[in-house]
Full PDB file with SEQRES, HELIX, SHEET, SSBOND, CRYST1, ORIGX, SCALE, CONECT and MASTER records, all heavy atoms in Angstrom:
SEQRES   1 A   34  ALA PRO ALA ALA HIS VAL LEU ALA VAL PRO THR GLY SER          
SEQRES   2 A   34  ILE LEU SER THR GLY LYS ARG ALA VAL VAL TRP VAL GLU          
SEQRES   3 A   34  THR GLY GLU ASN ARG PHE SER PRO                              
HELIX    1 AA1 THR A   11  SER A   13  5                                   3    
SHEET    1 AA1 2 LEU A  15  SER A  16  0                                        
SHEET    2 AA1 2 ALA A  21  VAL A  22 -1                                        
SHEET    1 AA2 2 VAL A  25  GLY A  28  0                                        
SHEET    2 AA2 2 ARG A  31  SER A  33 -1                                        
CRYST1    1.000    1.000    1.000  90.00  90.00  90.00 P 1           1          
ORIGX1      1.000000  0.000000  0.000000        0.00000                         
ORIGX2      0.000000  1.000000  0.000000        0.00000                         
ORIGX3      0.000000  0.000000  1.000000        0.00000                         
SCALE1      1.000000  0.000000  0.000000        0.00000                         
SCALE2      0.000000  1.000000  0.000000        0.00000                         
SCALE3      0.000000  0.000000  1.000000        0.00000                         
ATOM      1  N   ALA A   1     -63.185 -41.224 -11.414  1.00  0.00           N  
ATOM      2  CA  ALA A   1     -61.862 -41.722 -11.783  1.00  0.00           C  
ATOM      3  C   ALA A   1     -60.846 -40.585 -11.723  1.00  0.00           C  
ATOM      4  O   ALA A   1     -61.203 -39.409 -11.845  1.00  0.00           O  
ATOM      5  CB  ALA A   1     -61.897 -42.327 -13.185  1.00  0.00           C  
ATOM      6  N   PRO A   2     -59.559 -40.894 -11.542  1.00  0.00           N  
ATOM      7  CA  PRO A   2     -58.531 -39.842 -11.515  1.00  0.00           C  
ATOM      8  C   PRO A   2     -58.493 -39.074 -12.830  1.00  0.00           C  
ATOM      9  O   PRO A   2     -58.749 -39.631 -13.904  1.00  0.00           O  
ATOM     10  CB  PRO A   2     -57.237 -40.631 -11.284  1.00  0.00           C  
ATOM     11  CG  PRO A   2     -57.669 -41.924 -10.674  1.00  0.00           C  
ATOM     12  CD  PRO A   2     -59.007 -42.228 -11.272  1.00  0.00           C  
ATOM     13  N   ALA A   3     -58.163 -37.794 -12.753  1.00  0.00           N  
ATOM     14  CA  ALA A   3     -58.121 -36.956 -13.944  1.00  0.00           C  
ATOM     15  C   ALA A   3     -56.968 -37.382 -14.855  1.00  0.00           C  
ATOM     16  O   ALA A   3     -55.902 -37.786 -14.394  1.00  0.00           O  
ATOM     17  CB  ALA A   3     -57.960 -35.493 -13.551  1.00  0.00           C  
ATOM     18  N   ALA A   4     -57.200 -37.297 -16.162  1.00  0.00           N  
ATOM     19  CA  ALA A   4     -56.165 -37.610 -17.151  1.00  0.00           C  
ATOM     20  C   ALA A   4     -56.228 -36.559 -18.259  1.00  0.00           C  
ATOM     21  O   ALA A   4     -57.304 -36.098 -18.630  1.00  0.00           O  
ATOM     22  CB  ALA A   4     -56.383 -39.006 -17.731  1.00  0.00           C  
ATOM     23  N   HIS A   5     -55.065 -36.147 -18.783  1.00  0.00           N  
ATOM     24  CA  HIS A   5     -54.999 -35.180 -19.873  1.00  0.00           C  
ATOM     25  C   HIS A   5     -55.136 -35.928 -21.198  1.00  0.00           C  
ATOM     26  O   HIS A   5     -54.256 -36.700 -21.589  1.00  0.00           O  
ATOM     27  CB  HIS A   5     -53.691 -34.392 -19.828  1.00  0.00           C  
ATOM     28  CG  HIS A   5     -53.698 -33.307 -18.797  1.00  0.00           C  
ATOM     29  ND1 HIS A   5     -53.527 -33.572 -17.455  1.00  0.00           N  
ATOM     30  CD2 HIS A   5     -53.889 -31.952 -18.911  1.00  0.00           C  
ATOM     31  CE1 HIS A   5     -53.592 -32.429 -16.779  1.00  0.00           C  
ATOM     32  NE2 HIS A   5     -53.806 -31.438 -17.633  1.00  0.00           N  
ATOM     33  N   VAL A   6     -56.258 -35.708 -21.865  1.00  0.00           N  
ATOM     34  CA  VAL A   6     -56.551 -36.429 -23.100  1.00  0.00           C  
ATOM     35  C   VAL A   6     -57.041 -35.448 -24.161  1.00  0.00           C  
ATOM     36  O   VAL A   6     -57.446 -34.314 -23.851  1.00  0.00           O  
ATOM     37  CB  VAL A   6     -57.622 -37.522 -22.866  1.00  0.00           C  
ATOM     38  CG1 VAL A   6     -57.118 -38.575 -21.899  1.00  0.00           C  
ATOM     39  CG2 VAL A   6     -58.922 -36.910 -22.345  1.00  0.00           C  
ATOM     40  N   LEU A   7     -56.989 -35.884 -25.414  1.00  0.00           N  
ATOM     41  CA  LEU A   7     -57.549 -35.106 -26.509  1.00  0.00           C  
ATOM     42  C   LEU A   7     -59.070 -35.164 -26.396  1.00  0.00           C  
ATOM     43  O   LEU A   7     -59.644 -36.262 -26.307  1.00  0.00           O  
ATOM     44  CB  LEU A   7     -57.092 -35.681 -27.841  1.00  0.00           C  
ATOM     45  CG  LEU A   7     -57.107 -34.753 -29.056  1.00  0.00           C  
ATOM     46  CD1 LEU A   7     -56.097 -33.628 -28.872  1.00  0.00           C  
ATOM     47  CD2 LEU A   7     -56.815 -35.540 -30.321  1.00  0.00           C  
ATOM     48  N   ALA A   8     -59.732 -33.998 -26.379  1.00  0.00           N  
ATOM     49  CA  ALA A   8     -61.175 -33.999 -26.129  1.00  0.00           C  
ATOM     50  C   ALA A   8     -61.852 -32.912 -26.945  1.00  0.00           C  
ATOM     51  O   ALA A   8     -61.236 -31.908 -27.326  1.00  0.00           O  
ATOM     52  CB  ALA A   8     -61.461 -33.805 -24.642  1.00  0.00           C  
ATOM     53  N   VAL A   9     -63.145 -33.130 -27.210  1.00  0.00           N  
ATOM     54  CA  VAL A   9     -63.984 -32.165 -27.916  1.00  0.00           C  
ATOM     55  C   VAL A   9     -65.295 -32.033 -27.154  1.00  0.00           C  
ATOM     56  O   VAL A   9     -65.653 -32.914 -26.363  1.00  0.00           O  
ATOM     57  CB  VAL A   9     -64.263 -32.612 -29.370  1.00  0.00           C  
ATOM     58  CG1 VAL A   9     -62.977 -32.689 -30.172  1.00  0.00           C  
ATOM     59  CG2 VAL A   9     -65.001 -33.940 -29.396  1.00  0.00           C  
ATOM     60  N   PRO A  10     -66.038 -30.933 -27.350  1.00  0.00           N  
ATOM     61  CA  PRO A  10     -67.349 -30.816 -26.698  1.00  0.00           C  
ATOM     62  C   PRO A  10     -68.258 -31.979 -27.096  1.00  0.00           C  
ATOM     63  O   PRO A  10     -68.336 -32.342 -28.283  1.00  0.00           O  
ATOM     64  CB  PRO A  10     -67.886 -29.483 -27.215  1.00  0.00           C  
ATOM     65  CG  PRO A  10     -66.665 -28.705 -27.586  1.00  0.00           C  
ATOM     66  CD  PRO A  10     -65.691 -29.714 -28.104  1.00  0.00           C  
ATOM     67  N   THR A  11     -68.928 -32.553 -26.121  1.00  0.00           N  
ATOM     68  CA  THR A  11     -69.800 -33.696 -26.403  1.00  0.00           C  
ATOM     69  C   THR A  11     -70.888 -33.336 -27.397  1.00  0.00           C  
ATOM     70  O   THR A  11     -71.261 -34.138 -28.250  1.00  0.00           O  
ATOM     71  CB  THR A  11     -70.422 -34.202 -25.089  1.00  0.00           C  
ATOM     72  OG1 THR A  11     -69.373 -34.579 -24.187  1.00  0.00           O  
ATOM     73  CG2 THR A  11     -71.314 -35.395 -25.336  1.00  0.00           C  
ATOM     74  N   GLY A  12     -71.398 -32.106 -27.333  1.00  0.00           N  
ATOM     75  CA  GLY A  12     -72.457 -31.684 -28.237  1.00  0.00           C  
ATOM     76  C   GLY A  12     -72.036 -31.561 -29.682  1.00  0.00           C  
ATOM     77  O   GLY A  12     -72.886 -31.457 -30.571  1.00  0.00           O  
ATOM     78  N   SER A  13     -70.720 -31.544 -29.949  1.00  0.00           N  
ATOM     79  CA  SER A  13     -70.244 -31.437 -31.335  1.00  0.00           C  
ATOM     80  C   SER A  13     -70.238 -32.780 -32.047  1.00  0.00           C  
ATOM     81  O   SER A  13     -70.036 -32.832 -33.257  1.00  0.00           O  
ATOM     82  CB  SER A  13     -68.825 -30.851 -31.352  1.00  0.00           C  
ATOM     83  OG  SER A  13     -67.902 -31.774 -30.762  1.00  0.00           O  
ATOM     84  N   ILE A  14     -70.454 -33.867 -31.312  1.00  0.00           N  
ATOM     85  CA  ILE A  14     -70.387 -35.207 -31.888  1.00  0.00           C  
ATOM     86  C   ILE A  14     -71.768 -35.642 -32.334  1.00  0.00           C  
ATOM     87  O   ILE A  14     -72.737 -35.567 -31.581  1.00  0.00           O  
ATOM     88  CB  ILE A  14     -69.822 -36.219 -30.865  1.00  0.00           C  
ATOM     89  CG1 ILE A  14     -68.442 -35.770 -30.380  1.00  0.00           C  
ATOM     90  CG2 ILE A  14     -69.751 -37.616 -31.468  1.00  0.00           C  
ATOM     91  CD1 ILE A  14     -67.896 -36.616 -29.256  1.00  0.00           C  
ATOM     92  N   LEU A  15     -71.857 -36.090 -33.584  1.00  0.00           N  
ATOM     93  CA  LEU A  15     -73.098 -36.630 -34.134  1.00  0.00           C  
ATOM     94  C   LEU A  15     -72.958 -38.138 -34.229  1.00  0.00           C  
ATOM     95  O   LEU A  15     -71.954 -38.647 -34.715  1.00  0.00           O  
ATOM     96  CB  LEU A  15     -73.385 -36.047 -35.516  1.00  0.00           C  
ATOM     97  CG  LEU A  15     -73.376 -34.510 -35.605  1.00  0.00           C  
ATOM     98  CD1 LEU A  15     -73.594 -34.071 -37.041  1.00  0.00           C  
ATOM     99  CD2 LEU A  15     -74.438 -33.926 -34.708  1.00  0.00           C  
ATOM    100  N   SER A  16     -73.965 -38.848 -33.753  1.00  0.00           N  
ATOM    101  CA  SER A  16     -73.913 -40.308 -33.736  1.00  0.00           C  
ATOM    102  C   SER A  16     -74.900 -40.883 -34.733  1.00  0.00           C  
ATOM    103  O   SER A  16     -76.060 -40.463 -34.790  1.00  0.00           O  
ATOM    104  CB  SER A  16     -74.225 -40.838 -32.332  1.00  0.00           C  
ATOM    105  OG  SER A  16     -74.292 -42.246 -32.346  1.00  0.00           O  
ATOM    106  N   THR A  17     -74.439 -41.849 -35.525  1.00  0.00           N  
ATOM    107  CA  THR A  17     -75.320 -42.560 -36.450  1.00  0.00           C  
ATOM    108  C   THR A  17     -75.814 -43.866 -35.864  1.00  0.00           C  
ATOM    109  O   THR A  17     -76.582 -44.571 -36.488  1.00  0.00           O  
ATOM    110  CB  THR A  17     -74.574 -42.875 -37.760  1.00  0.00           C  
ATOM    111  OG1 THR A  17     -73.564 -43.863 -37.477  1.00  0.00           O  
ATOM    112  CG2 THR A  17     -73.937 -41.642 -38.341  1.00  0.00           C  
ATOM    113  N   GLY A  18     -75.342 -44.202 -34.680  1.00  0.00           N  
ATOM    114  CA  GLY A  18     -75.627 -45.511 -34.108  1.00  0.00           C  
ATOM    115  C   GLY A  18     -74.528 -46.494 -34.441  1.00  0.00           C  
ATOM    116  O   GLY A  18     -74.296 -47.447 -33.705  1.00  0.00           O  
ATOM    117  N   LYS A  19     -73.823 -46.270 -35.559  1.00  0.00           N  
ATOM    118  CA  LYS A  19     -72.711 -47.124 -35.967  1.00  0.00           C  
ATOM    119  C   LYS A  19     -71.371 -46.412 -35.825  1.00  0.00           C  
ATOM    120  O   LYS A  19     -70.340 -47.053 -35.695  1.00  0.00           O  
ATOM    121  CB  LYS A  19     -72.887 -47.549 -37.430  1.00  0.00           C  
ATOM    122  CG  LYS A  19     -74.166 -48.333 -37.692  1.00  0.00           C  
ATOM    123  CD  LYS A  19     -74.287 -48.661 -39.179  1.00  0.00           C  
ATOM    124  CE  LYS A  19     -75.575 -49.396 -39.480  1.00  0.00           C  
ATOM    125  NZ  LYS A  19     -75.734 -49.684 -40.926  1.00  0.00           N  
ATOM    126  N   ARG A  20     -71.394 -45.085 -35.887  1.00  0.00           N  
ATOM    127  CA  ARG A  20     -70.150 -44.339 -35.836  1.00  0.00           C  
ATOM    128  C   ARG A  20     -70.413 -42.958 -35.259  1.00  0.00           C  
ATOM    129  O   ARG A  20     -71.562 -42.504 -35.161  1.00  0.00           O  
ATOM    130  CB  ARG A  20     -69.536 -44.213 -37.229  1.00  0.00           C  
ATOM    131  CG  ARG A  20     -70.441 -43.499 -38.215  1.00  0.00           C  
ATOM    132  CD  ARG A  20     -69.790 -43.304 -39.562  1.00  0.00           C  
ATOM    133  NE  ARG A  20     -70.674 -42.582 -40.477  1.00  0.00           N  
ATOM    134  CZ  ARG A  20     -70.258 -41.998 -41.595  1.00  0.00           C  
ATOM    135  NH1 ARG A  20     -68.990 -42.054 -41.929  1.00  0.00           N  
ATOM    136  NH2 ARG A  20     -71.106 -41.357 -42.381  1.00  0.00           N  
ATOM    137  N   ALA A  21     -69.327 -42.280 -34.859  1.00  0.00           N  
ATOM    138  CA  ALA A  21     -69.391 -40.921 -34.351  1.00  0.00           C  
ATOM    139  C   ALA A  21     -68.742 -39.992 -35.365  1.00  0.00           C  
ATOM    140  O   ALA A  21     -67.678 -40.298 -35.910  1.00  0.00           O  
ATOM    141  CB  ALA A  21     -68.706 -40.818 -32.997  1.00  0.00           C  
ATOM    142  N   VAL A  22     -69.362 -38.849 -35.631  1.00  0.00           N  
ATOM    143  CA  VAL A  22     -68.915 -37.931 -36.676  1.00  0.00           C  
ATOM    144  C   VAL A  22     -68.809 -36.524 -36.104  1.00  0.00           C  
ATOM    145  O   VAL A  22     -69.663 -36.094 -35.316  1.00  0.00           O  
ATOM    146  CB  VAL A  22     -69.893 -37.940 -37.872  1.00  0.00           C  
ATOM    147  CG1 VAL A  22     -69.488 -36.905 -38.923  1.00  0.00           C  
ATOM    148  CG2 VAL A  22     -69.965 -39.327 -38.493  1.00  0.00           C  
ATOM    149  N   VAL A  23     -67.755 -35.798 -36.497  1.00  0.00           N  
ATOM    150  CA  VAL A  23     -67.653 -34.366 -36.239  1.00  0.00           C  
ATOM    151  C   VAL A  23     -67.415 -33.671 -37.570  1.00  0.00           C  
ATOM    152  O   VAL A  23     -66.949 -34.279 -38.538  1.00  0.00           O  
ATOM    153  CB  VAL A  23     -66.512 -34.036 -35.251  1.00  0.00           C  
ATOM    154  CG1 VAL A  23     -66.788 -34.615 -33.879  1.00  0.00           C  
ATOM    155  CG2 VAL A  23     -65.167 -34.518 -35.783  1.00  0.00           C  
ATOM    156  N   TRP A  24     -67.741 -32.384 -37.618  1.00  0.00           N  
ATOM    157  CA  TRP A  24     -67.529 -31.597 -38.825  1.00  0.00           C  
ATOM    158  C   TRP A  24     -66.268 -30.751 -38.649  1.00  0.00           C  
ATOM    159  O   TRP A  24     -66.198 -29.895 -37.767  1.00  0.00           O  
ATOM    160  CB  TRP A  24     -68.739 -30.707 -39.102  1.00  0.00           C  
ATOM    161  CG  TRP A  24     -69.919 -31.493 -39.595  1.00  0.00           C  
ATOM    162  CD1 TRP A  24     -70.894 -32.052 -38.845  1.00  0.00           C  
ATOM    163  CD2 TRP A  24     -70.204 -31.809 -40.946  1.00  0.00           C  
ATOM    164  NE1 TRP A  24     -71.790 -32.723 -39.638  1.00  0.00           N  
ATOM    165  CE2 TRP A  24     -71.396 -32.588 -40.948  1.00  0.00           C  
ATOM    166  CE3 TRP A  24     -69.585 -31.536 -42.169  1.00  0.00           C  
ATOM    167  CZ2 TRP A  24     -71.972 -33.075 -42.114  1.00  0.00           C  
ATOM    168  CZ3 TRP A  24     -70.162 -32.018 -43.339  1.00  0.00           C  
ATOM    169  CH2 TRP A  24     -71.335 -32.784 -43.311  1.00  0.00           C  
ATOM    170  N   VAL A  25     -65.276 -31.020 -39.497  1.00  0.00           N  
ATOM    171  CA  VAL A  25     -63.975 -30.346 -39.425  1.00  0.00           C  
ATOM    172  C   VAL A  25     -63.962 -29.184 -40.417  1.00  0.00           C  
ATOM    173  O   VAL A  25     -64.347 -29.343 -41.586  1.00  0.00           O  
ATOM    174  CB  VAL A  25     -62.830 -31.328 -39.737  1.00  0.00           C  
ATOM    175  CG1 VAL A  25     -61.487 -30.616 -39.666  1.00  0.00           C  
ATOM    176  CG2 VAL A  25     -62.870 -32.506 -38.775  1.00  0.00           C  
ATOM    177  N   GLU A  26     -63.518 -28.013 -39.961  1.00  0.00           N  
ATOM    178  CA  GLU A  26     -63.430 -26.847 -40.841  1.00  0.00           C  
ATOM    179  C   GLU A  26     -62.187 -26.992 -41.718  1.00  0.00           C  
ATOM    180  O   GLU A  26     -61.059 -26.954 -41.237  1.00  0.00           O  
ATOM    181  CB  GLU A  26     -63.368 -25.556 -40.029  1.00  0.00           C  
ATOM    182  CG  GLU A  26     -63.487 -24.314 -40.892  1.00  0.00           C  
ATOM    183  CD  GLU A  26     -63.600 -23.049 -40.069  1.00  0.00           C  
ATOM    184  OE1 GLU A  26     -63.060 -23.048 -38.932  1.00  0.00           O  
ATOM    185  OE2 GLU A  26     -64.202 -22.058 -40.545  1.00  0.00           O  
ATOM    186  N   THR A  27     -62.399 -27.172 -43.035  1.00  0.00           N  
ATOM    187  CA  THR A  27     -61.302 -27.397 -43.974  1.00  0.00           C  
ATOM    188  C   THR A  27     -60.918 -26.146 -44.741  1.00  0.00           C  
ATOM    189  O   THR A  27     -59.932 -26.137 -45.477  1.00  0.00           O  
ATOM    190  CB  THR A  27     -61.687 -28.502 -44.969  1.00  0.00           C  
ATOM    191  OG1 THR A  27     -62.911 -28.124 -45.629  1.00  0.00           O  
ATOM    192  CG2 THR A  27     -61.890 -29.825 -44.244  1.00  0.00           C  
ATOM    193  N   GLY A  28     -61.710 -25.113 -44.620  1.00  0.00           N  
ATOM    194  CA  GLY A  28     -61.446 -23.839 -45.292  1.00  0.00           C  
ATOM    195  C   GLY A  28     -62.441 -22.819 -44.778  1.00  0.00           C  
ATOM    196  O   GLY A  28     -63.248 -23.105 -43.888  1.00  0.00           O  
ATOM    197  N   GLU A  29     -62.397 -21.636 -45.351  1.00  0.00           N  
ATOM    198  CA  GLU A  29     -63.317 -20.601 -44.904  1.00  0.00           C  
ATOM    199  C   GLU A  29     -64.753 -21.004 -45.213  1.00  0.00           C  
ATOM    200  O   GLU A  29     -65.125 -21.166 -46.377  1.00  0.00           O  
ATOM    201  CB  GLU A  29     -62.982 -19.263 -45.567  1.00  0.00           C  
ATOM    202  CG  GLU A  29     -63.822 -18.107 -45.033  1.00  0.00           C  
ATOM    203  CD  GLU A  29     -63.401 -16.774 -45.616  1.00  0.00           C  
ATOM    204  OE1 GLU A  29     -62.482 -16.764 -46.459  1.00  0.00           O  
ATOM    205  OE2 GLU A  29     -63.998 -15.764 -45.238  1.00  0.00           O  
ATOM    206  N   ASN A  30     -65.545 -21.238 -44.156  1.00  0.00           N  
ATOM    207  CA  ASN A  30     -66.958 -21.625 -44.278  1.00  0.00           C  
ATOM    208  C   ASN A  30     -67.141 -22.952 -44.998  1.00  0.00           C  
ATOM    209  O   ASN A  30     -68.216 -23.221 -45.554  1.00  0.00           O  
ATOM    210  CB  ASN A  30     -67.772 -20.530 -44.982  1.00  0.00           C  
ATOM    211  CG  ASN A  30     -67.840 -19.259 -44.161  1.00  0.00           C  
ATOM    212  OD1 ASN A  30     -67.878 -19.318 -42.930  1.00  0.00           O  
ATOM    213  ND2 ASN A  30     -67.832 -18.113 -44.835  1.00  0.00           N  
ATOM    214  N   ARG A  31     -66.093 -23.789 -44.994  1.00  0.00           N  
ATOM    215  CA  ARG A  31     -66.202 -25.125 -45.581  1.00  0.00           C  
ATOM    216  C   ARG A  31     -65.970 -26.159 -44.482  1.00  0.00           C  
ATOM    217  O   ARG A  31     -65.024 -26.057 -43.691  1.00  0.00           O  
ATOM    218  CB  ARG A  31     -65.180 -25.344 -46.700  1.00  0.00           C  
ATOM    219  CG  ARG A  31     -65.458 -24.531 -47.944  1.00  0.00           C  
ATOM    220  CD  ARG A  31     -64.811 -25.185 -49.184  1.00  0.00           C  
ATOM    221  NE  ARG A  31     -63.431 -25.567 -48.959  1.00  0.00           N  
ATOM    222  CZ  ARG A  31     -62.385 -24.757 -49.157  1.00  0.00           C  
ATOM    223  NH1 ARG A  31     -62.585 -23.529 -49.552  1.00  0.00           N  
ATOM    224  NH2 ARG A  31     -61.162 -25.197 -48.945  1.00  0.00           N  
ATOM    225  N   PHE A  32     -66.841 -27.177 -44.438  1.00  0.00           N  
ATOM    226  CA  PHE A  32     -66.781 -28.190 -43.396  1.00  0.00           C  
ATOM    227  C   PHE A  32     -66.880 -29.580 -44.014  1.00  0.00           C  
ATOM    228  O   PHE A  32     -67.666 -29.814 -44.931  1.00  0.00           O  
ATOM    229  CB  PHE A  32     -67.925 -27.996 -42.392  1.00  0.00           C  
ATOM    230  CG  PHE A  32     -67.838 -26.717 -41.620  1.00  0.00           C  
ATOM    231  CD1 PHE A  32     -68.397 -25.546 -42.121  1.00  0.00           C  
ATOM    232  CD2 PHE A  32     -67.177 -26.673 -40.404  1.00  0.00           C  
ATOM    233  CE1 PHE A  32     -68.307 -24.359 -41.421  1.00  0.00           C  
ATOM    234  CE2 PHE A  32     -67.087 -25.497 -39.694  1.00  0.00           C  
ATOM    235  CZ  PHE A  32     -67.656 -24.336 -40.210  1.00  0.00           C  
ATOM    236  N   SER A  33     -66.052 -30.475 -43.492  1.00  0.00           N  
ATOM    237  CA  SER A  33     -66.014 -31.847 -43.999  1.00  0.00           C  
ATOM    238  C   SER A  33     -66.275 -32.811 -42.845  1.00  0.00           C  
ATOM    239  O   SER A  33     -65.745 -32.623 -41.737  1.00  0.00           O  
ATOM    240  CB  SER A  33     -64.643 -32.137 -44.614  1.00  0.00           C  
ATOM    241  OG  SER A  33     -64.587 -33.476 -45.088  1.00  0.00           O  
ATOM    242  N   PRO A  34     -67.080 -33.858 -43.066  1.00  0.00           N  
ATOM    243  CA  PRO A  34     -67.362 -34.814 -41.985  1.00  0.00           C  
ATOM    244  C   PRO A  34     -66.153 -35.696 -41.711  1.00  0.00           C  
ATOM    245  O   PRO A  34     -65.434 -36.090 -42.628  1.00  0.00           O  
ATOM    246  CB  PRO A  34     -68.540 -35.625 -42.526  1.00  0.00           C  
ATOM    247  CG  PRO A  34     -68.384 -35.561 -44.006  1.00  0.00           C  
ATOM    248  CD  PRO A  34     -67.797 -34.211 -44.304  1.00  0.00           C  
TER     249      PRO A  34                                                      
MASTER        0    0    0    1    4    0    0    6  248    1    0    3          
END                                                                             
């Protein structure tokens, strides 16, 4: 398909539960929130 500029993240950073997709966001120094 033709290239499009979109918001993207590395595929390996996404965790799948089968019902939803989750990434861990850095909210502070060494703190991560799903």
